[in-house]
Amino acid sequence: MPRVTFIAADGTVTEAEGDIGQSVMSIAVNAGIEVILAECGGACACGTCHCYVDADWVERLAPPSESEAAMIECVIAPKPESRLTCQLRLSSELDGLVLHLPAAQY
């Protein structure tokens, strides 16, 4: 099972495993990552699953879709490495993915 490392704003590290094809948002929710609110349930409609992709991983991900990019514009403190975890699907190539979490979603 591929692993994802979540690094909270305070430096707390949580590692979680998921199934190939599973959204990173659902992995975070299942792992108890409280800052991933996932209010829309993964419909790319709220931005409450925002994260920052670690610099070592940014180029390994496909660019965000138009709808994801538009939603990212609405989050607190967006950065070039901002993504929505609901739009990231786990694959064997993403085993070890590192994501940094914002202090709050809104």
PDB file of N, CA and C in Angstrom:
ATOM      1  N   MET A   1       0.841  -1.180   0.000  1.00  0.00           N
ATOM      2  CA  MET A   1       0.000   0.000   0.000  1.00  0.00           C
ATOM      3  C   MET A   1       0.886   1.244   0.000  1.00  0.00           C
ATOM      4  N   PRO A   2       0.627   2.166  -0.901  1.00  0.00           N
ATOM      5  CA  PRO A   2       1.401   3.405  -0.927  1.00  0.00           C
ATOM      6  C   PRO A   2       1.166   4.236   0.335  1.00  0.00           C
ATOM      7  N   ARG A   3       2.208   4.993   0.699  1.00  0.00           N
ATOM      8  CA  ARG A   3       2.168   5.809   1.915  1.00  0.00           C
ATOM      9  C   ARG A   3       2.187   7.287   1.569  1.00  0.00           C
ATOM     10  N   VAL A   4       1.544   8.077   2.433  1.00  0.00           N
ATOM     11  CA  VAL A   4       1.550   9.532   2.334  1.00  0.00           C
ATOM     12  C   VAL A   4       1.999  10.070   3.682  1.00  0.00           C
ATOM     13  N   THR A   5       2.879  11.070   3.657  1.00  0.00           N
ATOM     14  CA  THR A   5       3.314  11.732   4.877  1.00  0.00           C
ATOM     15  C   THR A   5       2.693  13.116   4.921  1.00  0.00           C
ATOM     16  N   PHE A   6       1.979  13.389   6.007  1.00  0.00           N
ATOM     17  CA  PHE A   6       1.350  14.684   6.230  1.00  0.00           C
ATOM     18  C   PHE A   6       2.154  15.414   7.301  1.00  0.00           C
ATOM     19  N   ILE A   7       2.588  16.635   7.009  1.00  0.00           N
ATOM     20  CA  ILE A   7       3.336  17.430   7.968  1.00  0.00           C
ATOM     21  C   ILE A   7       2.485  18.631   8.345  1.00  0.00           C
ATOM     22  N   ALA A   8       2.053  18.668   9.602  1.00  0.00           N
ATOM     23  CA  ALA A   8       1.197  19.744  10.094  1.00  0.00           C
ATOM     24  C   ALA A   8       1.993  21.038  10.209  1.00  0.00           C
ATOM     25  N   ALA A   9       1.278  22.150  10.317  1.00  0.00           N
ATOM     26  CA  ALA A   9       1.902  23.462  10.447  1.00  0.00           C
ATOM     27  C   ALA A   9       2.807  23.534  11.678  1.00  0.00           C
ATOM     28  N   ASP A  10       2.488  22.761  12.720  1.00  0.00           N
ATOM     29  CA  ASP A  10       3.318  22.759  13.930  1.00  0.00           C
ATOM     30  C   ASP A  10       4.468  21.756  13.848  1.00  0.00           C
ATOM     31  N   GLY A  11       4.627  21.082  12.715  1.00  0.00           N
ATOM     32  CA  GLY A  11       5.715  20.130  12.522  1.00  0.00           C
ATOM     33  C   GLY A  11       5.371  18.682  12.829  1.00  0.00           C
ATOM     34  N   THR A  12       4.185  18.433  13.352  1.00  0.00           N
ATOM     35  CA  THR A  12       3.766  17.062  13.636  1.00  0.00           C
ATOM     36  C   THR A  12       3.675  16.267  12.333  1.00  0.00           C
ATOM     37  N   VAL A  13       4.253  15.076  12.341  1.00  0.00           N
ATOM     38  CA  VAL A  13       4.275  14.223  11.155  1.00  0.00           C
ATOM     39  C   VAL A  13       3.337  13.036  11.365  1.00  0.00           C
ATOM     40  N   THR A  14       2.483  12.810  10.384  1.00  0.00           N
ATOM     41  CA  THR A  14       1.590  11.649  10.394  1.00  0.00           C
ATOM     42  C   THR A  14       1.770  10.906   9.085  1.00  0.00           C
ATOM     43  N   GLU A  15       2.036   9.619   9.155  1.00  0.00           N
ATOM     44  CA  GLU A  15       2.133   8.788   7.963  1.00  0.00           C
ATOM     45  C   GLU A  15       0.890   7.920   7.882  1.00  0.00           C
ATOM     46  N   ALA A  16       0.389   7.766   6.669  1.00  0.00           N
ATOM     47  CA  ALA A  16      -0.807   6.953   6.475  1.00  0.00           C
ATOM     48  C   ALA A  16      -0.681   6.185   5.166  1.00  0.00           C
ATOM     49  N   GLU A  17      -1.312   5.039   5.113  1.00  0.00           N
ATOM     50  CA  GLU A  17      -1.329   4.213   3.908  1.00  0.00           C
ATOM     51  C   GLU A  17      -2.695   4.298   3.251  1.00  0.00           C
ATOM     52  N   GLY A  18      -2.687   4.083   1.948  1.00  0.00           N
ATOM     53  CA  GLY A  18      -3.950   4.066   1.224  1.00  0.00           C
ATOM     54  C   GLY A  18      -3.889   3.100   0.068  1.00  0.00           C
ATOM     55  N   ASP A  19      -5.023   2.904  -0.544  1.00  0.00           N
ATOM     56  CA  ASP A  19      -5.130   2.022  -1.693  1.00  0.00           C
ATOM     57  C   ASP A  19      -4.892   2.809  -2.975  1.00  0.00           C
ATOM     58  N   ILE A  20      -4.354   2.151  -3.966  1.00  0.00           N
ATOM     59  CA  ILE A  20      -4.169   2.781  -5.268  1.00  0.00           C
ATOM     60  C   ILE A  20      -5.545   3.223  -5.778  1.00  0.00           C
ATOM     61  N   GLY A  21      -5.608   4.474  -6.232  1.00  0.00           N
ATOM     62  CA  GLY A  21      -6.853   5.053  -6.718  1.00  0.00           C
ATOM     63  C   GLY A  21      -7.633   5.825  -5.671  1.00  0.00           C
ATOM     64  N   GLN A  22      -7.297   5.641  -4.411  1.00  0.00           N
ATOM     65  CA  GLN A  22      -7.978   6.342  -3.324  1.00  0.00           C
ATOM     66  C   GLN A  22      -7.555   7.807  -3.309  1.00  0.00           C
ATOM     67  N   SER A  23      -8.469   8.702  -2.971  1.00  0.00           N
ATOM     68  CA  SER A  23      -8.099  10.109  -2.883  1.00  0.00           C
ATOM     69  C   SER A  23      -7.245  10.334  -1.642  1.00  0.00           C
ATOM     70  N   VAL A  24      -6.307  11.253  -1.762  1.00  0.00           N
ATOM     71  CA  VAL A  24      -5.464  11.597  -0.624  1.00  0.00           C
ATOM     72  C   VAL A  24      -6.312  12.225   0.478  1.00  0.00           C
ATOM     73  N   MET A  25      -7.401  12.900   0.096  1.00  0.00           N
ATOM     74  CA  MET A  25      -8.316  13.464   1.085  1.00  0.00           C
ATOM     75  C   MET A  25      -8.898  12.371   1.975  1.00  0.00           C
ATOM     76  N   SER A  26      -9.361  11.280   1.381  1.00  0.00           N
ATOM     77  CA  SER A  26      -9.945  10.207   2.192  1.00  0.00           C
ATOM     78  C   SER A  26      -8.893   9.544   3.075  1.00  0.00           C
ATOM     79  N   ILE A  27      -7.675   9.455   2.596  1.00  0.00           N
ATOM     80  CA  ILE A  27      -6.591   8.915   3.422  1.00  0.00           C
ATOM     81  C   ILE A  27      -6.378   9.815   4.633  1.00  0.00           C
ATOM     82  N   ALA A  28      -6.360  11.133   4.404  1.00  0.00           N
ATOM     83  CA  ALA A  28      -6.165  12.087   5.500  1.00  0.00           C
ATOM     84  C   ALA A  28      -7.303  12.007   6.509  1.00  0.00           C
ATOM     85  N   VAL A  29      -8.530  11.953   6.022  1.00  0.00           N
ATOM     86  CA  VAL A  29      -9.682  11.876   6.921  1.00  0.00           C
ATOM     87  C   VAL A  29      -9.624  10.585   7.740  1.00  0.00           C
ATOM     88  N   ASN A  30      -9.319   9.469   7.090  1.00  0.00           N
ATOM     89  CA  ASN A  30      -9.216   8.187   7.794  1.00  0.00           C
ATOM     90  C   ASN A  30      -8.093   8.180   8.824  1.00  0.00           C
ATOM     91  N   ALA A  31      -7.043   8.979   8.577  1.00  0.00           N
ATOM     92  CA  ALA A  31      -5.902   9.045   9.499  1.00  0.00           C
ATOM     93  C   ALA A  31      -6.129  10.069  10.608  1.00  0.00           C
ATOM     94  N   GLY A  32      -7.278  10.734  10.593  1.00  0.00           N
ATOM     95  CA  GLY A  32      -7.578  11.694  11.657  1.00  0.00           C
ATOM     96  C   GLY A  32      -6.884  13.043  11.498  1.00  0.00           C
ATOM     97  N   ILE A  33      -6.522  13.408  10.273  1.00  0.00           N
ATOM     98  CA  ILE A  33      -5.892  14.706  10.022  1.00  0.00           C
ATOM     99  C   ILE A  33      -6.996  15.763  10.120  1.00  0.00           C
ATOM    100  N   GLU A  34      -7.073  16.439  11.259  1.00  0.00           N
ATOM    101  CA  GLU A  34      -8.197  17.330  11.540  1.00  0.00           C
ATOM    102  C   GLU A  34      -8.267  18.557  10.650  1.00  0.00           C
ATOM    103  N   VAL A  35      -7.148  19.047  10.145  1.00  0.00           N
ATOM    104  CA  VAL A  35      -7.173  20.253   9.316  1.00  0.00           C
ATOM    105  C   VAL A  35      -7.725  19.976   7.916  1.00  0.00           C
ATOM    106  N   ILE A  36      -7.781  18.719   7.524  1.00  0.00           N
ATOM    107  CA  ILE A  36      -8.430  18.356   6.257  1.00  0.00           C
ATOM    108  C   ILE A  36      -9.915  18.169   6.569  1.00  0.00           C
ATOM    109  N   LEU A  37     -10.681  19.244   6.366  1.00  0.00           N
ATOM    110  CA  LEU A  37     -12.098  19.250   6.740  1.00  0.00           C
ATOM    111  C   LEU A  37     -12.964  18.504   5.741  1.00  0.00           C
ATOM    112  N   ALA A  38     -12.629  18.594   4.455  1.00  0.00           N
ATOM    113  CA  ALA A  38     -13.349  17.852   3.408  1.00  0.00           C
ATOM    114  C   ALA A  38     -14.848  18.083   3.464  1.00  0.00           C
ATOM    115  N   GLU A  39     -15.237  19.342   3.591  1.00  0.00           N
ATOM    116  CA  GLU A  39     -16.654  19.665   3.758  1.00  0.00           C
ATOM    117  C   GLU A  39     -17.528  19.258   2.575  1.00  0.00           C
ATOM    118  N   CYS A  40     -16.987  19.279   1.365  1.00  0.00           N
ATOM    119  CA  CYS A  40     -17.814  18.916   0.206  1.00  0.00           C
ATOM    120  C   CYS A  40     -17.705  17.431  -0.129  1.00  0.00           C
ATOM    121  N   GLY A  41     -16.939  16.696   0.637  1.00  0.00           N
ATOM    122  CA  GLY A  41     -16.833  15.259   0.428  1.00  0.00           C
ATOM    123  C   GLY A  41     -16.018  14.856  -0.783  1.00  0.00           C
ATOM    124  N   GLY A  42     -15.233  15.769  -1.317  1.00  0.00           N
ATOM    125  CA  GLY A  42     -14.364  15.422  -2.439  1.00  0.00           C
ATOM    126  C   GLY A  42     -14.865  15.878  -3.791  1.00  0.00           C
ATOM    127  N   ALA A  43     -15.807  16.818  -3.813  1.00  0.00           N
ATOM    128  CA  ALA A  43     -16.389  17.286  -5.075  1.00  0.00           C
ATOM    129  C   ALA A  43     -15.666  18.479  -5.679  1.00  0.00           C
ATOM    130  N   CYS A  44     -14.534  18.870  -5.110  1.00  0.00           N
ATOM    131  CA  CYS A  44     -13.754  20.019  -5.600  1.00  0.00           C
ATOM    132  C   CYS A  44     -14.610  21.285  -5.574  1.00  0.00           C
ATOM    133  N   ALA A  45     -15.376  21.443  -4.486  1.00  0.00           N
ATOM    134  CA  ALA A  45     -16.312  22.555  -4.395  1.00  0.00           C
ATOM    135  C   ALA A  45     -16.132  23.428  -3.156  1.00  0.00           C
ATOM    136  N   CYS A  46     -15.122  23.145  -2.312  1.00  0.00           N
ATOM    137  CA  CYS A  46     -15.028  23.939  -1.080  1.00  0.00           C
ATOM    138  C   CYS A  46     -13.609  24.389  -0.738  1.00  0.00           C
ATOM    139  N   GLY A  47     -12.601  23.672  -1.114  1.00  0.00           N
ATOM    140  CA  GLY A  47     -11.222  24.041  -0.799  1.00  0.00           C
ATOM    141  C   GLY A  47     -10.780  23.714   0.612  1.00  0.00           C
ATOM    142  N   THR A  48     -11.599  22.983   1.377  1.00  0.00           N
ATOM    143  CA  THR A  48     -11.238  22.696   2.769  1.00  0.00           C
ATOM    144  C   THR A  48     -10.362  21.456   2.925  1.00  0.00           C
ATOM    145  N   CYS A  49      -9.792  21.005   1.824  1.00  0.00           N
ATOM    146  CA  CYS A  49      -8.829  19.895   1.870  1.00  0.00           C
ATOM    147  C   CYS A  49      -7.490  20.349   1.293  1.00  0.00           C
ATOM    148  N   HIS A  50      -7.272  21.648   1.317  1.00  0.00           N
ATOM    149  CA  HIS A  50      -6.070  22.281   0.772  1.00  0.00           C
ATOM    150  C   HIS A  50      -4.803  21.784   1.464  1.00  0.00           C
ATOM    151  N   CYS A  51      -3.750  21.628   0.686  1.00  0.00           N
ATOM    152  CA  CYS A  51      -2.438  21.264   1.212  1.00  0.00           C
ATOM    153  C   CYS A  51      -1.371  21.913   0.337  1.00  0.00           C
ATOM    154  N   TYR A  52      -0.130  21.801   0.781  1.00  0.00           N
ATOM    155  CA  TYR A  52       1.025  22.245   0.005  1.00  0.00           C
ATOM    156  C   TYR A  52       1.864  21.012  -0.306  1.00  0.00           C
ATOM    157  N   VAL A  53       2.113  20.771  -1.570  1.00  0.00           N
ATOM    158  CA  VAL A  53       2.904  19.614  -1.978  1.00  0.00           C
ATOM    159  C   VAL A  53       4.376  19.930  -1.725  1.00  0.00           C
ATOM    160  N   ASP A  54       5.073  18.998  -1.096  1.00  0.00           N
ATOM    161  CA  ASP A  54       6.500  19.162  -0.838  1.00  0.00           C
ATOM    162  C   ASP A  54       7.245  19.398  -2.146  1.00  0.00           C
ATOM    163  N   ALA A  55       8.258  20.249  -2.095  1.00  0.00           N
ATOM    164  CA  ALA A  55       9.006  20.630  -3.302  1.00  0.00           C
ATOM    165  C   ALA A  55       9.524  19.424  -4.080  1.00  0.00           C
ATOM    166  N   ASP A  56       9.907  18.365  -3.399  1.00  0.00           N
ATOM    167  CA  ASP A  56      10.425  17.167  -4.072  1.00  0.00           C
ATOM    168  C   ASP A  56       9.354  16.426  -4.869  1.00  0.00           C
ATOM    169  N   TRP A  57       8.082  16.757  -4.654  1.00  0.00           N
ATOM    170  CA  TRP A  57       6.988  16.027  -5.283  1.00  0.00           C
ATOM    171  C   TRP A  57       6.195  16.847  -6.294  1.00  0.00           C
ATOM    172  N   VAL A  58       6.352  18.149  -6.306  1.00  0.00           N
ATOM    173  CA  VAL A  58       5.535  19.007  -7.174  1.00  0.00           C
ATOM    174  C   VAL A  58       5.579  18.569  -8.626  1.00  0.00           C
ATOM    175  N   GLU A  59       6.749  18.324  -9.155  1.00  0.00           N
ATOM    176  CA  GLU A  59       6.896  17.976 -10.573  1.00  0.00           C
ATOM    177  C   GLU A  59       6.397  16.573 -10.906  1.00  0.00           C
ATOM    178  N   ARG A  60       6.177  15.741  -9.903  1.00  0.00           N
ATOM    179  CA  ARG A  60       5.717  14.377 -10.143  1.00  0.00           C
ATOM    180  C   ARG A  60       4.201  14.292 -10.327  1.00  0.00           C
ATOM    181  N   LEU A  61       3.510  15.366  -9.965  1.00  0.00           N
ATOM    182  CA  LEU A  61       2.055  15.380 -10.067  1.00  0.00           C
ATOM    183  C   LEU A  61       1.609  16.034 -11.364  1.00  0.00           C
ATOM    184  N   ALA A  62       0.528  15.559 -11.907  1.00  0.00           N
ATOM    185  CA  ALA A  62      -0.076  16.242 -13.057  1.00  0.00           C
ATOM    186  C   ALA A  62      -0.556  17.607 -12.576  1.00  0.00           C
ATOM    187  N   PRO A  63      -0.568  18.591 -13.457  1.00  0.00           N
ATOM    188  CA  PRO A  63      -1.039  19.913 -13.025  1.00  0.00           C
ATOM    189  C   PRO A  63      -2.514  19.871 -12.640  1.00  0.00           C
ATOM    190  N   PRO A  64      -2.936  20.828 -11.822  1.00  0.00           N
ATOM    191  CA  PRO A  64      -4.355  20.844 -11.428  1.00  0.00           C
ATOM    192  C   PRO A  64      -5.262  21.128 -12.621  1.00  0.00           C
ATOM    193  N   SER A  65      -6.470  20.594 -12.547  1.00  0.00           N
ATOM    194  CA  SER A  65      -7.485  20.880 -13.563  1.00  0.00           C
ATOM    195  C   SER A  65      -7.919  22.340 -13.421  1.00  0.00           C
ATOM    196  N   GLU A  66      -8.674  22.829 -14.387  1.00  0.00           N
ATOM    197  CA  GLU A  66      -9.175  24.206 -14.319  1.00  0.00           C
ATOM    198  C   GLU A  66     -10.031  24.411 -13.070  1.00  0.00           C
ATOM    199  N   SER A  67     -10.888  23.447 -12.768  1.00  0.00           N
ATOM    200  CA  SER A  67     -11.768  23.607 -11.598  1.00  0.00           C
ATOM    201  C   SER A  67     -10.974  23.586 -10.298  1.00  0.00           C
ATOM    202  N   GLU A  68      -9.952  22.732 -10.217  1.00  0.00           N
ATOM    203  CA  GLU A  68      -9.113  22.715  -9.016  1.00  0.00           C
ATOM    204  C   GLU A  68      -8.343  24.019  -8.897  1.00  0.00           C
ATOM    205  N   ALA A  69      -7.766  24.499  -9.982  1.00  0.00           N
ATOM    206  CA  ALA A  69      -7.011  25.759  -9.959  1.00  0.00           C
ATOM    207  C   ALA A  69      -7.904  26.915  -9.524  1.00  0.00           C
ATOM    208  N   ALA A  70      -9.135  26.939 -10.001  1.00  0.00           N
ATOM    209  CA  ALA A  70     -10.070  27.999  -9.607  1.00  0.00           C
ATOM    210  C   ALA A  70     -10.391  27.928  -8.122  1.00  0.00           C
ATOM    211  N   MET A  71     -10.558  26.732  -7.599  1.00  0.00           N
ATOM    212  CA  MET A  71     -10.857  26.571  -6.177  1.00  0.00           C
ATOM    213  C   MET A  71      -9.658  26.947  -5.321  1.00  0.00           C
ATOM    214  N   ILE A  72      -8.457  26.631  -5.784  1.00  0.00           N
ATOM    215  CA  ILE A  72      -7.247  26.973  -5.032  1.00  0.00           C
ATOM    216  C   ILE A  72      -7.120  28.485  -4.870  1.00  0.00           C
ATOM    217  N   GLU A  73      -7.607  29.241  -5.837  1.00  0.00           N
ATOM    218  CA  GLU A  73      -7.565  30.700  -5.734  1.00  0.00           C
ATOM    219  C   GLU A  73      -8.379  31.212  -4.551  1.00  0.00           C
ATOM    220  N   CYS A  74      -9.283  30.402  -4.036  1.00  0.00           N
ATOM    221  CA  CYS A  74     -10.175  30.812  -2.948  1.00  0.00           C
ATOM    222  C   CYS A  74      -9.692  30.384  -1.559  1.00  0.00           C
ATOM    223  N   VAL A  75      -8.624  29.606  -1.473  1.00  0.00           N
ATOM    224  CA  VAL A  75      -8.161  29.128  -0.169  1.00  0.00           C
ATOM    225  C   VAL A  75      -7.316  30.192   0.526  1.00  0.00           C
ATOM    226  N   ILE A  76      -7.105  30.005   1.822  1.00  0.00           N
ATOM    227  CA  ILE A  76      -6.229  30.899   2.574  1.00  0.00           C
ATOM    228  C   ILE A  76      -4.782  30.613   2.170  1.00  0.00           C
ATOM    229  N   ALA A  77      -4.035  31.667   1.904  1.00  0.00           N
ATOM    230  CA  ALA A  77      -2.599  31.592   1.626  1.00  0.00           C
ATOM    231  C   ALA A  77      -2.232  30.579   0.543  1.00  0.00           C
ATOM    232  N   PRO A  78      -2.815  30.704  -0.647  1.00  0.00           N
ATOM    233  CA  PRO A  78      -2.412  29.779  -1.720  1.00  0.00           C
ATOM    234  C   PRO A  78      -0.967  30.032  -2.136  1.00  0.00           C
ATOM    235  N   LYS A  79      -0.313  28.982  -2.559  1.00  0.00           N
ATOM    236  CA  LYS A  79       1.070  29.035  -3.036  1.00  0.00           C
ATOM    237  C   LYS A  79       1.137  28.254  -4.347  1.00  0.00           C
ATOM    238  N   PRO A  80       2.226  28.410  -5.093  1.00  0.00           N
ATOM    239  CA  PRO A  80       2.347  27.636  -6.338  1.00  0.00           C
ATOM    240  C   PRO A  80       2.236  26.123  -6.117  1.00  0.00           C
ATOM    241  N   GLU A  81       2.607  25.650  -4.939  1.00  0.00           N
ATOM    242  CA  GLU A  81       2.557  24.213  -4.661  1.00  0.00           C
ATOM    243  C   GLU A  81       1.244  23.783  -3.992  1.00  0.00           C
ATOM    244  N   SER A  82       0.249  24.667  -3.956  1.00  0.00           N
ATOM    245  CA  SER A  82      -1.051  24.331  -3.376  1.00  0.00           C
ATOM    246  C   SER A  82      -1.796  23.327  -4.248  1.00  0.00           C
ATOM    247  N   ARG A  83      -2.433  22.388  -3.587  1.00  0.00           N
ATOM    248  CA  ARG A  83      -3.305  21.419  -4.263  1.00  0.00           C
ATOM    249  C   ARG A  83      -4.460  21.091  -3.324  1.00  0.00           C
ATOM    250  N   LEU A  84      -5.496  20.493  -3.891  1.00  0.00           N
ATOM    251  CA  LEU A  84      -6.604  19.991  -3.103  1.00  0.00           C
ATOM    252  C   LEU A  84      -6.443  18.484  -3.000  1.00  0.00           C
ATOM    253  N   THR A  85      -6.440  17.983  -1.783  1.00  0.00           N
ATOM    254  CA  THR A  85      -6.199  16.549  -1.593  1.00  0.00           C
ATOM    255  C   THR A  85      -7.304  15.695  -2.201  1.00  0.00           C
ATOM    256  N   CYS A  86      -8.489  16.263  -2.388  1.00  0.00           N
ATOM    257  CA  CYS A  86      -9.569  15.484  -3.014  1.00  0.00           C
ATOM    258  C   CYS A  86      -9.281  15.200  -4.480  1.00  0.00           C
ATOM    259  N   GLN A  87      -8.393  15.963  -5.075  1.00  0.00           N
ATOM    260  CA  GLN A  87      -8.089  15.805  -6.493  1.00  0.00           C
ATOM    261  C   GLN A  87      -6.821  14.986  -6.737  1.00  0.00           C
ATOM    262  N   LEU A  88      -6.159  14.581  -5.680  1.00  0.00           N
ATOM    263  CA  LEU A  88      -4.951  13.753  -5.792  1.00  0.00           C
ATOM    264  C   LEU A  88      -5.316  12.303  -5.533  1.00  0.00           C
ATOM    265  N   ARG A  89      -5.037  11.444  -6.508  1.00  0.00           N
ATOM    266  CA  ARG A  89      -5.326  10.016  -6.388  1.00  0.00           C
ATOM    267  C   ARG A  89      -4.025   9.259  -6.189  1.00  0.00           C
ATOM    268  N   LEU A  90      -4.020   8.371  -5.226  1.00  0.00           N
ATOM    269  CA  LEU A  90      -2.824   7.609  -4.899  1.00  0.00           C
ATOM    270  C   LEU A  90      -2.500   6.617  -6.012  1.00  0.00           C
ATOM    271  N   SER A  91      -1.218   6.519  -6.320  1.00  0.00           N
ATOM    272  CA  SER A  91      -0.721   5.543  -7.289  1.00  0.00           C
ATOM    273  C   SER A  91       0.594   5.000  -6.752  1.00  0.00           C
ATOM    274  N   SER A  92       1.078   3.944  -7.358  1.00  0.00           N
ATOM    275  CA  SER A  92       2.360   3.396  -6.899  1.00  0.00           C
ATOM    276  C   SER A  92       3.476   4.411  -7.093  1.00  0.00           C
ATOM    277  N   GLU A  93       3.364   5.270  -8.112  1.00  0.00           N
ATOM    278  CA  GLU A  93       4.378   6.302  -8.350  1.00  0.00           C
ATOM    279  C   GLU A  93       4.384   7.364  -7.259  1.00  0.00           C
ATOM    280  N   LEU A  94       3.284   7.493  -6.531  1.00  0.00           N
ATOM    281  CA  LEU A  94       3.197   8.495  -5.474  1.00  0.00           C
ATOM    282  C   LEU A  94       3.479   7.928  -4.083  1.00  0.00           C
ATOM    283  N   ASP A  95       3.956   6.689  -4.029  1.00  0.00           N
ATOM    284  CA  ASP A  95       4.328   6.097  -2.740  1.00  0.00           C
ATOM    285  C   ASP A  95       5.397   6.969  -2.094  1.00  0.00           C
ATOM    286  N   GLY A  96       5.109   7.464  -0.895  1.00  0.00           N
ATOM    287  CA  GLY A  96       6.044   8.333  -0.188  1.00  0.00           C
ATOM    288  C   GLY A  96       5.728   9.813  -0.334  1.00  0.00           C
ATOM    289  N   LEU A  97       4.622  10.151  -1.000  1.00  0.00           N
ATOM    290  CA  LEU A  97       4.212  11.539  -1.196  1.00  0.00           C
ATOM    291  C   LEU A  97       4.252  12.299   0.129  1.00  0.00           C
ATOM    292  N   VAL A  98       4.798  13.521   0.096  1.00  0.00           N
ATOM    293  CA  VAL A  98       4.890  14.359   1.292  1.00  0.00           C
ATOM    294  C   VAL A  98       4.064  15.619   1.060  1.00  0.00           C
ATOM    295  N   LEU A  99       3.154  15.877   2.000  1.00  0.00           N
ATOM    296  CA  LEU A  99       2.282  17.037   1.923  1.00  0.00           C
ATOM    297  C   LEU A  99       2.399  17.849   3.204  1.00  0.00           C
ATOM    298  N   HIS A 100       2.441  19.153   3.049  1.00  0.00           N
ATOM    299  CA  HIS A 100       2.460  20.069   4.186  1.00  0.00           C
ATOM    300  C   HIS A 100       1.059  20.635   4.343  1.00  0.00           C
ATOM    301  N   LEU A 101       0.611  20.736   5.580  1.00  0.00           N
ATOM    302  CA  LEU A 101      -0.754  21.159   5.862  1.00  0.00           C
ATOM    303  C   LEU A 101      -0.796  22.594   6.338  1.00  0.00           C
ATOM    304  N   PRO A 102      -1.818  23.342   5.943  1.00  0.00           N
ATOM    305  CA  PRO A 102      -1.963  24.705   6.446  1.00  0.00           C
ATOM    306  C   PRO A 102      -2.391  24.679   7.915  1.00  0.00           C
ATOM    307  N   ALA A 103      -2.202  25.809   8.583  1.00  0.00           N
ATOM    308  CA  ALA A 103      -2.612  25.900   9.984  1.00  0.00           C
ATOM    309  C   ALA A 103      -4.138  25.825  10.102  1.00  0.00           C
ATOM    310  N   ALA A 104      -4.841  26.355   9.091  1.00  0.00           N
ATOM    311  CA  ALA A 104      -6.307  26.340   9.093  1.00  0.00           C
ATOM    312  C   ALA A 104      -6.779  26.390   7.643  1.00  0.00           C
ATOM    313  N   GLN A 105      -8.008  25.986   7.423  1.00  0.00           N
ATOM    314  CA  GLN A 105      -8.571  26.017   6.064  1.00  0.00           C
ATOM    315  C   GLN A 105      -9.348  27.298   5.808  1.00  0.00           C
ATOM    316  N   TYR A 106      -9.835  27.963   6.828  1.00  0.00           N
ATOM    317  CA  TYR A 106     -10.493  29.264   6.662  1.00  0.00           C
ATOM    318  C   TYR A 106     -10.537  29.977   7.972  1.00  0.00           C
TER     319      TYR A 106
END
